[in-house]
C-alpha cells in the first residue's frame, strides 16, 4: 500500500522474535500477554536469520522493517526488548504499510 494521504506518521509494533532461523520472515500474528500489563496483545511473529549475539538480531529486525516500510534504517528504532524475544519497534514516516498489517 503506497498512499501518502492515509499513511500514519509512525508505526509502533510489538514483535515476538525467533532469532537464528533459516530465513528472515513474518509468520503472522499471535495473541500474547502484554509484557507490562498482562493484557492480551496481538504481536507479530518474526523469524530472523541473524543470531542473538552482540545486537545482530536487533539490527537485522530494524533493517528488515526499514526495507518492508521503504524507509532508511535510521527511521526504525528499537524502543524496548533489547535482550528479550519480545520487542517493540517504532517506524517513523513509513512509505509503505506491509500487507500483513493491513486489515
Protein backbone atom coordinates (compact mmCIF):
# COMPACT_ATOMS: atom_id res chain seq x y z
CA UNK A 1 0.00 0.00 0.00
CA UNK A 2 1.55 3.25 -1.12
CA UNK A 3 -0.89 6.06 -0.45
CA UNK A 4 0.72 9.01 1.34
CA UNK A 5 -2.65 10.51 2.36
CA UNK A 6 -3.59 7.57 4.58
CA UNK A 7 -0.18 6.63 5.97
CA UNK A 8 0.46 7.20 9.67
CA UNK A 9 3.34 9.37 10.88
CA UNK A 10 4.68 6.36 12.75
CA UNK A 11 4.03 2.70 13.45
CA UNK A 12 4.61 1.13 16.86
CA UNK A 13 4.81 -2.66 16.64
CA UNK A 14 5.07 -5.41 19.23
CA UNK A 15 7.08 -8.31 17.84
CA UNK A 16 7.91 -11.78 19.08
CA UNK A 17 11.30 -12.66 17.57
CA UNK A 18 12.79 -16.06 16.83
CA UNK A 19 16.48 -15.42 16.10
CA UNK A 20 18.90 -17.77 14.31
CA UNK A 21 16.21 -19.06 11.92
CA UNK A 22 16.93 -20.36 8.43
CA UNK A 23 15.47 -17.20 6.86
CA UNK A 24 14.01 -13.86 7.87
CA UNK A 25 10.24 -13.78 7.51
CA UNK A 26 6.98 -12.70 9.12
CA UNK A 27 4.90 -15.64 10.30
CA UNK A 28 1.75 -13.71 11.22
CA UNK A 29 0.13 -12.60 14.44
CA UNK A 30 -0.01 -14.24 17.85
CA UNK A 31 -2.03 -13.04 20.83
CA UNK A 32 0.12 -12.95 23.95
CA UNK A 33 0.09 -11.27 27.34
CA UNK A 34 1.42 -7.71 27.18
CA UNK A 35 4.86 -7.64 28.89
CA UNK A 36 3.88 -4.85 31.31
CA UNK A 37 0.12 -5.08 31.83
CA UNK A 38 -0.59 -8.73 31.11
CA UNK A 39 -3.49 -7.74 28.83
CA UNK A 40 -3.95 -9.80 25.65
CA UNK A 41 -1.96 -8.14 22.87
CA UNK A 42 -1.56 -9.03 19.19
CA UNK A 43 2.12 -9.39 18.36
CA UNK A 44 3.80 -10.08 15.06
CA UNK A 45 5.81 -13.29 14.99
CA UNK A 46 9.06 -12.80 13.06
CA UNK A 47 11.85 -15.24 12.32
CA UNK A 48 15.29 -13.67 11.91
CA UNK A 49 18.25 -15.31 10.23
CA UNK A 50 20.62 -13.26 12.41
CA UNK A 51 21.93 -14.77 15.66
CA UNK A 52 21.06 -13.20 19.03
CA UNK A 53 24.67 -12.11 19.58
CA UNK A 54 26.06 -8.59 20.03
CA UNK A 55 22.78 -6.98 18.95
CA UNK A 56 22.87 -8.58 15.49
CA UNK A 57 19.27 -9.81 15.71
CA UNK A 58 18.08 -6.34 16.79
CA UNK A 59 19.94 -4.72 13.89
CA UNK A 60 18.51 -7.29 11.47
CA UNK A 61 14.98 -6.70 12.81
CA UNK A 62 15.25 -2.94 12.33
CA UNK A 63 16.76 -3.33 8.84
CA UNK A 64 14.02 -5.83 7.88
CA UNK A 65 11.23 -3.42 8.87
CA UNK A 66 13.02 -0.49 7.25
CA UNK A 67 13.01 -2.41 3.97
CA UNK A 68 9.36 -3.50 4.38
CA UNK A 69 8.24 0.07 5.10
CA UNK A 70 10.52 1.62 2.46
CA UNK A 71 12.37 3.89 4.88
CA UNK A 72 16.04 4.40 5.79
CA UNK A 73 17.35 2.28 8.67
CA UNK A 74 17.59 5.42 10.83
CA UNK A 75 13.76 5.67 10.75
CA UNK A 76 13.38 2.39 12.67
CA UNK A 77 14.06 2.42 16.41
CA UNK A 78 14.09 -0.41 18.91
CA UNK A 79 12.04 1.03 21.79
CA UNK A 80 12.23 -1.94 24.15
CA UNK A 81 13.27 -5.56 24.37
CA UNK A 82 16.98 -5.26 23.66
CA UNK A 83 17.72 -8.62 25.31
CA UNK A 84 14.21 -10.13 25.14
CA UNK A 85 12.38 -12.09 22.46
CA UNK A 86 9.52 -9.60 22.82
CA UNK A 87 10.44 -6.33 21.12
CA UNK A 88 8.75 -3.01 20.50
CA UNK A 89 9.84 -1.01 17.48
CA UNK A 90 8.89 2.34 16.03
CA UNK A 91 8.90 3.09 12.30
CA UNK A 92 8.88 6.82 11.50
CA UNK A 93 7.29 8.12 8.29
CA UNK A 94 6.57 4.72 6.68
CA UNK A 95 6.12 4.97 2.93
CA UNK A 96 4.55 1.51 2.71
CA UNK A 97 2.43 -0.46 5.16
CA UNK A 98 3.37 -4.16 4.97
CA UNK A 99 0.44 -6.28 3.77
CA UNK A 100 0.39 -8.34 6.98
CA UNK A 101 -0.52 -5.15 8.91
CA UNK A 102 -3.43 -4.17 6.69
CA UNK A 103 -6.88 -5.19 7.89
